[in-house]
Amino acid sequence: MKQMSVAPVVALVVAIACVAHLAAAQAPSPGAPAVANPTYASIPMEIDVNRPAAEVWKRIGKFCDIGEWLQIPAGCTLLSGKDGEFGAVRSVANEILVGRTDLSYTYTQPVRNDRPYNMYHGTLEARPVTATTSKIVYTLFFDNSMLPDDKAREEDLQRRKATFMRALQNMKTLAEGGTLPPPPTRGRGQP
């Protein structure tokens, strides 16, 4: 009778225990309901800019520059950390800087106890095109399955896209040396 080595069995048991531990560590907090069947949405947007990418990033790429180009009435402040460092938290939706390069950053919104976690992430980048031109690329990613139906999901996508395309135009204006027009009138429940 052939004997089986114990080492592969032990390795398998350890691997299963590690995966179970990681899954438990990544589970949403008890107060934040999980979504059973997520529907992930992404909104890739870009705009051409008549400036080199490094100049564009210098003008619009600080983590709290969002207060200016998104025309947030209360502005933006860092709640913790330092600009450009991983883990910095800004006052805009308590967003957390989770990734960056010399010409980009990625942020996320934290889990909240009062609503399902939608995995909201955004990436802003100044991408070189030529030595004197670039494009600003902004991509949003999130789960919109908590909305009641396809119509509501599509309306949400269009609202977000309109808001952030306006922000891209504002970034282009600022990067090219212009000044921003007054913010659009905000009605009840609008960003």
N, C-alpha and C. Protein backbone atom coordinates (compact mmCIF):
# COMPACT_ATOMS: atom_id res chain seq x y z
N MET A 1 0.85 -1.18 0.00
CA MET A 1 0.00 0.00 0.00
C MET A 1 0.89 1.23 0.00
N LYS A 2 0.59 2.16 -0.87
CA LYS A 2 1.37 3.38 -1.02
C LYS A 2 1.02 4.37 0.07
N GLN A 3 2.03 4.93 0.74
CA GLN A 3 1.78 5.91 1.79
C GLN A 3 1.76 7.31 1.20
N MET A 4 0.83 8.12 1.67
CA MET A 4 0.71 9.50 1.21
C MET A 4 1.44 10.40 2.19
N SER A 5 2.15 11.36 1.66
CA SER A 5 2.87 12.31 2.51
C SER A 5 1.88 13.25 3.19
N VAL A 6 2.16 13.60 4.43
CA VAL A 6 1.30 14.49 5.21
C VAL A 6 1.48 15.95 4.78
N ALA A 7 2.64 16.30 4.26
CA ALA A 7 2.94 17.70 3.93
C ALA A 7 1.93 18.33 2.97
N PRO A 8 1.54 17.67 1.86
CA PRO A 8 0.56 18.31 0.98
C PRO A 8 -0.79 18.54 1.65
N VAL A 9 -1.21 17.62 2.50
CA VAL A 9 -2.49 17.76 3.19
C VAL A 9 -2.43 18.92 4.16
N VAL A 10 -1.34 19.04 4.91
CA VAL A 10 -1.17 20.15 5.85
C VAL A 10 -1.15 21.48 5.09
N ALA A 11 -0.44 21.51 3.98
CA ALA A 11 -0.36 22.74 3.18
C ALA A 11 -1.75 23.16 2.69
N LEU A 12 -2.56 22.18 2.27
CA LEU A 12 -3.91 22.48 1.80
C LEU A 12 -4.77 23.02 2.94
N VAL A 13 -4.70 22.43 4.10
CA VAL A 13 -5.48 22.89 5.25
C VAL A 13 -5.06 24.31 5.63
N VAL A 14 -3.76 24.57 5.64
CA VAL A 14 -3.28 25.92 5.96
C VAL A 14 -3.76 26.92 4.92
N ALA A 15 -3.71 26.56 3.64
CA ALA A 15 -4.16 27.47 2.58
C ALA A 15 -5.64 27.79 2.73
N ILE A 16 -6.47 26.79 3.02
CA ILE A 16 -7.90 27.01 3.20
C ILE A 16 -8.16 27.92 4.39
N ALA A 17 -7.42 27.70 5.48
CA ALA A 17 -7.58 28.55 6.66
C ALA A 17 -7.19 29.99 6.36
N CYS A 18 -6.13 30.19 5.57
CA CYS A 18 -5.71 31.56 5.22
C CYS A 18 -6.76 32.26 4.36
N VAL A 19 -7.31 31.54 3.37
CA VAL A 19 -8.33 32.13 2.52
C VAL A 19 -9.57 32.49 3.35
N ALA A 20 -9.97 31.62 4.26
CA ALA A 20 -11.13 31.91 5.11
C ALA A 20 -10.87 33.12 5.98
N HIS A 21 -9.64 33.24 6.51
CA HIS A 21 -9.30 34.39 7.34
C HIS A 21 -9.33 35.69 6.53
N LEU A 22 -8.77 35.65 5.31
CA LEU A 22 -8.78 36.85 4.45
C LEU A 22 -10.21 37.24 4.08
N ALA A 23 -11.05 36.28 3.77
CA ALA A 23 -12.43 36.58 3.42
C ALA A 23 -13.15 37.24 4.59
N ALA A 24 -12.92 36.73 5.79
CA ALA A 24 -13.55 37.32 6.96
C ALA A 24 -13.03 38.72 7.22
N ALA A 25 -11.75 38.96 6.98
CA ALA A 25 -11.16 40.28 7.21
C ALA A 25 -11.68 41.30 6.21
N GLN A 26 -12.09 40.87 5.01
CA GLN A 26 -12.55 41.80 3.99
C GLN A 26 -14.06 41.96 3.99
N ALA A 27 -14.76 41.26 4.85
CA ALA A 27 -16.21 41.37 4.89
C ALA A 27 -16.61 42.76 5.36
N PRO A 28 -17.75 43.29 4.87
CA PRO A 28 -18.19 44.61 5.31
C PRO A 28 -18.50 44.61 6.80
N SER A 29 -18.46 45.78 7.37
CA SER A 29 -18.77 45.90 8.79
C SER A 29 -20.21 45.48 9.04
N PRO A 30 -20.54 45.03 10.26
CA PRO A 30 -21.89 44.56 10.54
C PRO A 30 -22.98 45.57 10.24
N GLY A 31 -22.68 46.86 10.37
CA GLY A 31 -23.69 47.89 10.14
C GLY A 31 -23.90 48.20 8.67
N ALA A 32 -22.98 47.81 7.79
CA ALA A 32 -23.09 48.11 6.37
C ALA A 32 -23.62 46.88 5.65
N PRO A 33 -24.86 46.90 5.19
CA PRO A 33 -25.43 45.73 4.53
C PRO A 33 -24.65 45.39 3.27
N ALA A 34 -24.43 44.12 3.06
CA ALA A 34 -23.77 43.66 1.84
C ALA A 34 -24.82 43.55 0.74
N VAL A 35 -24.39 43.69 -0.48
CA VAL A 35 -25.27 43.57 -1.63
C VAL A 35 -25.11 42.16 -2.18
N ALA A 36 -26.21 41.43 -2.29
CA ALA A 36 -26.15 40.03 -2.71
C ALA A 36 -25.71 39.86 -4.16
N ASN A 37 -26.23 40.68 -5.06
CA ASN A 37 -25.92 40.54 -6.48
C ASN A 37 -25.46 41.88 -7.05
N PRO A 38 -24.18 42.21 -6.87
CA PRO A 38 -23.70 43.51 -7.32
C PRO A 38 -23.75 43.64 -8.85
N THR A 39 -23.97 44.86 -9.30
CA THR A 39 -23.87 45.20 -10.72
C THR A 39 -22.88 46.35 -10.81
N TYR A 40 -21.68 46.03 -11.23
CA TYR A 40 -20.61 47.01 -11.27
C TYR A 40 -20.73 47.90 -12.50
N ALA A 41 -20.51 49.17 -12.27
CA ALA A 41 -20.57 50.15 -13.35
C ALA A 41 -19.26 50.92 -13.38
N SER A 42 -18.84 51.28 -14.57
CA SER A 42 -17.67 52.15 -14.69
C SER A 42 -18.01 53.26 -15.67
N ILE A 43 -17.44 54.42 -15.39
CA ILE A 43 -17.65 55.58 -16.25
C ILE A 43 -16.27 56.13 -16.62
N PRO A 44 -15.74 55.73 -17.79
CA PRO A 44 -14.46 56.29 -18.24
C PRO A 44 -14.72 57.59 -18.99
N MET A 45 -13.98 58.64 -18.63
CA MET A 45 -14.15 59.95 -19.26
C MET A 45 -12.76 60.53 -19.55
N GLU A 46 -12.66 61.35 -20.57
CA GLU A 46 -11.39 62.02 -20.85
C GLU A 46 -11.63 63.30 -21.63
N ILE A 47 -10.63 64.18 -21.55
CA ILE A 47 -10.69 65.45 -22.26
C ILE A 47 -9.28 65.84 -22.66
N ASP A 48 -9.12 66.36 -23.86
CA ASP A 48 -7.81 66.81 -24.34
C ASP A 48 -7.45 68.15 -23.73
N VAL A 49 -6.15 68.32 -23.44
CA VAL A 49 -5.67 69.56 -22.83
C VAL A 49 -4.45 70.04 -23.60
N ASN A 50 -4.41 71.33 -23.87
CA ASN A 50 -3.31 71.93 -24.62
C ASN A 50 -2.18 72.36 -23.67
N ARG A 51 -1.71 71.43 -22.87
CA ARG A 51 -0.60 71.65 -21.93
C ARG A 51 0.07 70.30 -21.68
N PRO A 52 1.36 70.31 -21.37
CA PRO A 52 2.03 69.06 -21.01
C PRO A 52 1.42 68.45 -19.73
N ALA A 53 1.45 67.14 -19.65
CA ALA A 53 0.82 66.43 -18.54
C ALA A 53 1.36 66.88 -17.18
N ALA A 54 2.67 67.10 -17.07
CA ALA A 54 3.24 67.51 -15.78
C ALA A 54 2.68 68.86 -15.34
N GLU A 55 2.50 69.79 -16.28
CA GLU A 55 1.92 71.10 -15.95
C GLU A 55 0.45 70.95 -15.54
N VAL A 56 -0.26 70.08 -16.25
CA VAL A 56 -1.67 69.84 -15.93
C VAL A 56 -1.77 69.30 -14.51
N TRP A 57 -0.94 68.31 -14.21
CA TRP A 57 -1.01 67.68 -12.89
C TRP A 57 -0.63 68.66 -11.78
N LYS A 58 0.33 69.51 -12.06
CA LYS A 58 0.73 70.51 -11.06
C LYS A 58 -0.45 71.42 -10.73
N ARG A 59 -1.30 71.71 -11.72
CA ARG A 59 -2.42 72.63 -11.51
C ARG A 59 -3.65 71.97 -10.91
N ILE A 60 -3.94 70.71 -11.27
CA ILE A 60 -5.22 70.10 -10.84
C ILE A 60 -5.06 68.80 -10.05
N GLY A 61 -3.83 68.37 -9.77
CA GLY A 61 -3.61 67.03 -9.23
C GLY A 61 -3.44 66.88 -7.73
N LYS A 62 -3.56 67.96 -6.97
CA LYS A 62 -3.51 67.79 -5.51
C LYS A 62 -4.83 67.14 -5.06
N PHE A 63 -4.76 66.36 -3.99
CA PHE A 63 -5.92 65.58 -3.56
C PHE A 63 -7.11 66.48 -3.23
N CYS A 64 -6.87 67.68 -2.72
CA CYS A 64 -7.98 68.58 -2.39
C CYS A 64 -8.26 69.62 -3.48
N ASP A 65 -7.61 69.52 -4.62
CA ASP A 65 -7.97 70.41 -5.73
C ASP A 65 -9.41 70.16 -6.20
N ILE A 66 -9.98 69.03 -5.82
CA ILE A 66 -11.37 68.70 -6.16
C ILE A 66 -12.33 69.80 -5.71
N GLY A 67 -12.02 70.46 -4.61
CA GLY A 67 -12.90 71.53 -4.12
C GLY A 67 -13.05 72.63 -5.15
N GLU A 68 -11.97 72.92 -5.87
CA GLU A 68 -12.01 73.98 -6.88
C GLU A 68 -12.67 73.50 -8.17
N TRP A 69 -12.15 72.41 -8.77
CA TRP A 69 -12.65 72.02 -10.08
C TRP A 69 -14.02 71.35 -10.05
N LEU A 70 -14.44 70.82 -8.91
CA LEU A 70 -15.81 70.32 -8.80
C LEU A 70 -16.73 71.40 -8.24
N GLN A 71 -16.15 72.55 -7.90
CA GLN A 71 -16.87 73.71 -7.41
C GLN A 71 -17.76 73.37 -6.21
N ILE A 72 -17.10 72.76 -5.21
CA ILE A 72 -17.78 72.38 -3.98
C ILE A 72 -17.86 73.61 -3.08
N PRO A 73 -19.07 74.05 -2.72
CA PRO A 73 -19.21 75.27 -1.92
C PRO A 73 -18.38 75.27 -0.63
N ALA A 74 -18.32 74.14 0.05
CA ALA A 74 -17.56 74.07 1.31
C ALA A 74 -16.07 73.84 1.07
N GLY A 75 -15.67 73.65 -0.19
CA GLY A 75 -14.27 73.39 -0.48
C GLY A 75 -13.86 71.99 -0.07
N CYS A 76 -12.57 71.82 0.13
CA CYS A 76 -12.01 70.53 0.52
C CYS A 76 -10.86 70.77 1.47
N THR A 77 -10.79 69.99 2.52
CA THR A 77 -9.65 70.02 3.44
C THR A 77 -9.21 68.59 3.71
N LEU A 78 -7.96 68.45 4.08
CA LEU A 78 -7.47 67.14 4.48
C LEU A 78 -7.87 66.90 5.92
N LEU A 79 -8.54 65.80 6.17
CA LEU A 79 -8.96 65.44 7.52
C LEU A 79 -7.86 64.69 8.25
N SER A 80 -7.06 63.94 7.49
CA SER A 80 -5.91 63.26 8.07
C SER A 80 -4.91 62.95 6.97
N GLY A 81 -3.67 62.76 7.36
CA GLY A 81 -2.62 62.47 6.41
C GLY A 81 -2.13 63.71 5.71
N LYS A 82 -1.25 63.50 4.73
CA LYS A 82 -0.67 64.60 3.95
C LYS A 82 -1.05 64.43 2.50
N ASP A 83 -1.14 65.55 1.79
CA ASP A 83 -1.50 65.52 0.38
C ASP A 83 -0.57 64.58 -0.38
N GLY A 84 -1.14 63.70 -1.16
CA GLY A 84 -0.37 62.79 -1.99
C GLY A 84 0.11 61.53 -1.30
N GLU A 85 -0.16 61.37 -0.01
CA GLU A 85 0.29 60.17 0.70
C GLU A 85 -0.86 59.17 0.81
N PHE A 86 -0.51 57.90 0.72
CA PHE A 86 -1.51 56.85 0.89
C PHE A 86 -2.19 57.02 2.24
N GLY A 87 -3.49 56.83 2.24
CA GLY A 87 -4.26 56.92 3.47
C GLY A 87 -4.72 58.32 3.82
N ALA A 88 -4.33 59.34 3.04
CA ALA A 88 -4.84 60.70 3.29
C ALA A 88 -6.35 60.67 3.12
N VAL A 89 -7.05 61.40 3.97
CA VAL A 89 -8.51 61.46 3.91
C VAL A 89 -8.92 62.91 3.68
N ARG A 90 -9.75 63.13 2.65
CA ARG A 90 -10.24 64.47 2.39
C ARG A 90 -11.68 64.61 2.84
N SER A 91 -12.09 65.85 3.06
CA SER A 91 -13.43 66.12 3.59
C SER A 91 -14.53 65.80 2.59
N VAL A 92 -14.24 65.70 1.34
CA VAL A 92 -15.24 65.37 0.32
C VAL A 92 -15.57 63.89 0.46
N ALA A 93 -16.72 63.59 1.06
CA ALA A 93 -17.21 62.22 1.28
C ALA A 93 -16.23 61.35 2.06
N ASN A 94 -15.32 61.98 2.81
CA ASN A 94 -14.30 61.24 3.58
C ASN A 94 -13.50 60.30 2.69
N GLU A 95 -13.24 60.73 1.44
CA GLU A 95 -12.54 59.89 0.48
C GLU A 95 -11.09 59.67 0.90
N ILE A 96 -10.62 58.46 0.63
CA ILE A 96 -9.30 58.02 1.07
C ILE A 96 -8.42 57.78 -0.15
N LEU A 97 -7.21 58.34 -0.13
CA LEU A 97 -6.25 58.11 -1.21
C LEU A 97 -5.69 56.70 -1.06
N VAL A 98 -5.89 55.85 -2.07
CA VAL A 98 -5.46 54.46 -1.98
C VAL A 98 -4.43 54.06 -3.03
N GLY A 99 -4.15 54.95 -3.97
CA GLY A 99 -3.15 54.65 -4.99
C GLY A 99 -2.71 55.93 -5.66
N ARG A 100 -1.46 55.93 -6.17
CA ARG A 100 -1.00 57.12 -6.88
C ARG A 100 0.23 56.80 -7.71
N THR A 101 0.44 57.64 -8.72
CA THR A 101 1.68 57.66 -9.51
C THR A 101 2.08 59.13 -9.59
N ASP A 102 3.10 59.43 -10.35
CA ASP A 102 3.52 60.82 -10.50
C ASP A 102 2.43 61.69 -11.13
N LEU A 103 1.57 61.09 -11.94
CA LEU A 103 0.55 61.86 -12.67
C LEU A 103 -0.87 61.30 -12.47
N SER A 104 -1.12 60.62 -11.35
CA SER A 104 -2.46 60.09 -11.11
C SER A 104 -2.66 59.79 -9.63
N TYR A 105 -3.92 59.65 -9.27
CA TYR A 105 -4.25 59.08 -7.96
C TYR A 105 -5.58 58.34 -8.05
N THR A 106 -5.76 57.40 -7.13
CA THR A 106 -6.99 56.65 -7.00
C THR A 106 -7.48 56.81 -5.57
N TYR A 107 -8.78 56.99 -5.45
CA TYR A 107 -9.38 57.16 -4.13
C TYR A 107 -10.59 56.25 -4.00
N THR A 108 -11.04 56.07 -2.78
CA THR A 108 -12.24 55.30 -2.51
C THR A 108 -13.07 56.00 -1.46
N GLN A 109 -14.31 55.62 -1.38
CA GLN A 109 -15.17 56.11 -0.30
C GLN A 109 -15.31 54.99 0.72
N PRO A 110 -15.32 55.33 1.99
CA PRO A 110 -15.34 54.30 3.03
C PRO A 110 -16.71 53.65 3.21
N VAL A 111 -16.68 52.51 3.87
CA VAL A 111 -17.92 51.84 4.27
C VAL A 111 -18.63 52.75 5.26
N ARG A 112 -19.96 52.83 5.11
CA ARG A 112 -20.77 53.62 6.04
C ARG A 112 -21.81 52.70 6.67
N ASN A 113 -22.10 52.94 7.92
CA ASN A 113 -23.05 52.08 8.62
C ASN A 113 -24.49 52.26 8.15
N ASP A 114 -24.80 53.39 7.51
CA ASP A 114 -26.19 53.68 7.17
C ASP A 114 -26.58 53.33 5.73
N ARG A 115 -25.70 52.68 4.97
CA ARG A 115 -26.05 52.34 3.59
C ARG A 115 -25.19 51.20 3.07
N PRO A 116 -25.68 50.49 2.05
CA PRO A 116 -24.87 49.41 1.47
C PRO A 116 -23.57 49.97 0.89
N TYR A 117 -22.52 49.19 1.00
CA TYR A 117 -21.22 49.61 0.46
C TYR A 117 -21.24 49.44 -1.06
N ASN A 118 -20.97 50.52 -1.79
CA ASN A 118 -21.04 50.45 -3.26
C ASN A 118 -19.67 50.37 -3.93
N MET A 119 -18.60 50.18 -3.16
CA MET A 119 -17.24 50.02 -3.70
C MET A 119 -16.80 51.21 -4.55
N TYR A 120 -17.30 52.39 -4.30
CA TYR A 120 -16.99 53.57 -5.10
C TYR A 120 -15.49 53.85 -5.10
N HIS A 121 -14.92 53.93 -6.30
CA HIS A 121 -13.52 54.29 -6.52
C HIS A 121 -13.46 55.28 -7.68
N GLY A 122 -12.50 56.17 -7.62
CA GLY A 122 -12.27 57.08 -8.73
C GLY A 122 -10.77 57.16 -8.99
N THR A 123 -10.41 57.28 -10.25
CA THR A 123 -9.01 57.48 -10.63
C THR A 123 -8.94 58.70 -11.53
N LEU A 124 -8.06 59.63 -11.16
CA LEU A 124 -7.81 60.84 -11.94
C LEU A 124 -6.37 60.77 -12.44
N GLU A 125 -6.18 61.07 -13.73
CA GLU A 125 -4.85 60.96 -14.33
C GLU A 125 -4.64 62.06 -15.36
N ALA A 126 -3.43 62.62 -15.39
CA ALA A 126 -2.99 63.47 -16.49
C ALA A 126 -2.10 62.58 -17.36
N ARG A 127 -2.54 62.29 -18.58
CA ARG A 127 -1.83 61.35 -19.44
C ARG A 127 -1.13 62.10 -20.58
N PRO A 128 0.19 61.97 -20.71
CA PRO A 128 0.89 62.64 -21.82
C PRO A 128 0.41 62.12 -23.18
N VAL A 129 0.26 63.05 -24.13
CA VAL A 129 -0.06 62.68 -25.50
C VAL A 129 1.12 63.04 -26.40
N THR A 130 1.58 64.28 -26.29
CA THR A 130 2.79 64.73 -26.97
C THR A 130 3.61 65.50 -25.93
N ALA A 131 4.69 66.10 -26.35
CA ALA A 131 5.51 66.89 -25.41
C ALA A 131 4.76 68.12 -24.92
N THR A 132 3.76 68.58 -25.69
CA THR A 132 3.06 69.82 -25.32
C THR A 132 1.56 69.64 -25.07
N THR A 133 1.07 68.42 -25.23
CA THR A 133 -0.36 68.17 -25.01
C THR A 133 -0.55 66.94 -24.14
N SER A 134 -1.74 66.84 -23.59
CA SER A 134 -2.07 65.70 -22.74
C SER A 134 -3.58 65.51 -22.74
N LYS A 135 -4.02 64.56 -21.96
CA LYS A 135 -5.45 64.40 -21.73
C LYS A 135 -5.63 64.11 -20.26
N ILE A 136 -6.76 64.56 -19.75
CA ILE A 136 -7.13 64.24 -18.38
C ILE A 136 -8.10 63.07 -18.48
N VAL A 137 -7.80 62.02 -17.76
CA VAL A 137 -8.62 60.81 -17.77
C VAL A 137 -9.18 60.63 -16.36
N TYR A 138 -10.49 60.47 -16.28
CA TYR A 138 -11.15 60.29 -14.98
C TYR A 138 -12.07 59.07 -15.12
N THR A 139 -11.87 58.09 -14.27
CA THR A 139 -12.69 56.88 -14.32
C THR A 139 -13.33 56.66 -12.97
N LEU A 140 -14.63 56.45 -12.96
CA LEU A 140 -15.37 56.10 -11.76
C LEU A 140 -15.75 54.64 -11.84
N PHE A 141 -15.75 53.97 -10.71
CA PHE A 141 -16.14 52.56 -10.63
C PHE A 141 -16.95 52.37 -9.35
N PHE A 142 -18.10 51.69 -9.46
CA PHE A 142 -18.94 51.49 -8.29
C PHE A 142 -19.99 50.42 -8.58
N ASP A 143 -20.65 49.99 -7.54
CA ASP A 143 -21.74 49.03 -7.62
C ASP A 143 -23.05 49.81 -7.52
N ASN A 144 -23.89 49.71 -8.54
CA ASN A 144 -25.16 50.44 -8.49
C ASN A 144 -26.36 49.51 -8.34
N SER A 145 -26.11 48.29 -7.84
CA SER A 145 -27.19 47.31 -7.72
C SER A 145 -28.24 47.67 -6.68
N MET A 146 -27.91 48.62 -5.77
CA MET A 146 -28.89 48.97 -4.75
C MET A 146 -29.99 49.88 -5.30
N LEU A 147 -29.83 50.36 -6.53
CA LEU A 147 -30.89 51.15 -7.16
C LEU A 147 -32.00 50.21 -7.63
N PRO A 148 -33.23 50.69 -7.67
CA PRO A 148 -34.37 49.78 -7.85
C PRO A 148 -34.48 49.07 -9.19
N ASP A 149 -33.99 49.68 -10.28
CA ASP A 149 -34.17 49.05 -11.58
C ASP A 149 -33.17 49.63 -12.59
N ASP A 150 -33.20 49.08 -13.81
CA ASP A 150 -32.27 49.51 -14.86
C ASP A 150 -32.43 50.99 -15.20
N LYS A 151 -33.66 51.48 -15.18
CA LYS A 151 -33.91 52.89 -15.49
C LYS A 151 -33.22 53.78 -14.45
N ALA A 152 -33.36 53.45 -13.19
CA ALA A 152 -32.72 54.24 -12.12
C ALA A 152 -31.20 54.15 -12.23
N ARG A 153 -30.67 52.97 -12.59
CA ARG A 153 -29.22 52.81 -12.74
C ARG A 153 -28.71 53.67 -13.89
N GLU A 154 -29.45 53.69 -15.00
CA GLU A 154 -29.04 54.50 -16.15
C GLU A 154 -29.11 55.99 -15.81
N GLU A 155 -30.15 56.42 -15.13
CA GLU A 155 -30.25 57.83 -14.72
C GLU A 155 -29.10 58.23 -13.80
N ASP A 156 -28.74 57.33 -12.88
CA ASP A 156 -27.62 57.58 -11.97
C ASP A 156 -26.31 57.70 -12.76
N LEU A 157 -26.09 56.80 -13.71
CA LEU A 157 -24.88 56.87 -14.55
C LEU A 157 -24.81 58.19 -15.30
N GLN A 158 -25.92 58.60 -15.89
CA GLN A 158 -25.93 59.84 -16.68
C GLN A 158 -25.71 61.06 -15.78
N ARG A 159 -26.29 61.06 -14.59
CA ARG A 159 -26.09 62.18 -13.65
C ARG A 159 -24.62 62.27 -13.25
N ARG A 160 -24.04 61.14 -12.89
CA ARG A 160 -22.62 61.13 -12.50
C ARG A 160 -21.73 61.58 -13.66
N LYS A 161 -22.02 61.06 -14.85
CA LYS A 161 -21.20 61.41 -16.02
C LYS A 161 -21.30 62.91 -16.29
N ALA A 162 -22.49 63.49 -16.22
CA ALA A 162 -22.65 64.93 -16.46
C ALA A 162 -21.86 65.73 -15.43
N THR A 163 -21.94 65.34 -14.17
CA THR A 163 -21.23 66.05 -13.10
C THR A 163 -19.73 66.01 -13.33
N PHE A 164 -19.20 64.83 -13.65
CA PHE A 164 -17.75 64.70 -13.79
C PHE A 164 -17.24 65.17 -15.15
N MET A 165 -18.07 65.18 -16.18
CA MET A 165 -17.64 65.80 -17.45
C MET A 165 -17.52 67.32 -17.26
N ARG A 166 -18.43 67.90 -16.47
CA ARG A 166 -18.30 69.32 -16.15
C ARG A 166 -17.01 69.55 -15.37
N ALA A 167 -16.69 68.64 -14.44
CA ALA A 167 -15.44 68.75 -13.68
C ALA A 167 -14.23 68.64 -14.61
N LEU A 168 -14.28 67.74 -15.59
CA LEU A 168 -13.17 67.62 -16.55
C LEU A 168 -13.01 68.92 -17.34
N GLN A 169 -14.11 69.50 -17.78
CA GLN A 169 -14.02 70.77 -18.50
C GLN A 169 -13.41 71.85 -17.60
N ASN A 170 -13.80 71.86 -16.33
CA ASN A 170 -13.23 72.83 -15.38
C ASN A 170 -11.73 72.60 -15.20
N MET A 171 -11.31 71.34 -15.11
CA MET A 171 -9.88 71.03 -14.98
C MET A 171 -9.12 71.50 -16.21
N LYS A 172 -9.68 71.26 -17.39
CA LYS A 172 -9.05 71.71 -18.63
C LYS A 172 -8.89 73.22 -18.62
N THR A 173 -9.96 73.93 -18.24
CA THR A 173 -9.92 75.39 -18.19
C THR A 173 -8.82 75.87 -17.26
N LEU A 174 -8.75 75.29 -16.06
CA LEU A 174 -7.73 75.68 -15.09
C LEU A 174 -6.33 75.35 -15.58
N ALA A 175 -6.15 74.15 -16.14
CA ALA A 175 -4.84 73.72 -16.61
C ALA A 175 -4.34 74.57 -17.76
N GLU A 176 -5.25 75.09 -18.56
CA GLU A 176 -4.86 75.93 -19.70
C GLU A 176 -4.79 77.41 -19.32
N GLY A 177 -4.91 77.71 -18.02
CA GLY A 177 -4.72 79.08 -17.54
C GLY A 177 -5.97 79.92 -17.46
N GLY A 178 -7.13 79.34 -17.66
CA GLY A 178 -8.38 80.10 -17.62
C GLY A 178 -8.97 80.17 -16.22
N THR A 179 -10.11 80.83 -16.16
CA THR A 179 -10.86 80.91 -14.89
C THR A 179 -12.20 80.21 -15.09
N LEU A 180 -12.73 79.71 -14.00
CA LEU A 180 -13.97 78.94 -14.08
C LEU A 180 -15.20 79.83 -14.12
N PRO A 181 -16.20 79.38 -14.87
CA PRO A 181 -17.50 80.08 -14.83
C PRO A 181 -18.13 79.80 -13.47
N PRO A 182 -19.15 80.57 -13.10
CA PRO A 182 -19.85 80.27 -11.84
C PRO A 182 -20.38 78.84 -11.87
N PRO A 183 -20.47 78.19 -10.70
CA PRO A 183 -21.02 76.84 -10.68
C PRO A 183 -22.48 76.85 -11.09
N PRO A 184 -22.95 75.72 -11.64
CA PRO A 184 -24.36 75.66 -12.00
C PRO A 184 -25.22 75.76 -10.74
N THR A 185 -26.42 76.27 -10.93
CA THR A 185 -27.35 76.37 -9.80
C THR A 185 -27.69 74.96 -9.35
N ARG A 186 -27.59 74.77 -8.08
CA ARG A 186 -27.89 73.42 -7.54
C ARG A 186 -29.25 73.44 -6.90
N GLY A 187 -30.06 72.53 -7.38
CA GLY A 187 -31.39 72.37 -6.80
C GLY A 187 -31.35 71.36 -5.67
N ARG A 188 -32.45 71.16 -5.07
CA ARG A 188 -32.56 70.22 -3.97
C ARG A 188 -32.18 68.82 -4.43
N GLY A 189 -31.28 68.18 -3.68
CA GLY A 189 -30.89 66.81 -3.97
C GLY A 189 -29.89 66.66 -5.10
N GLN A 190 -29.37 67.77 -5.65
CA GLN A 190 -28.39 67.68 -6.73
C GLN A 190 -27.00 67.91 -6.17
N PRO A 191 -25.99 67.35 -6.86
CA PRO A 191 -24.62 67.52 -6.39
C PRO A 191 -24.12 68.93 -6.53
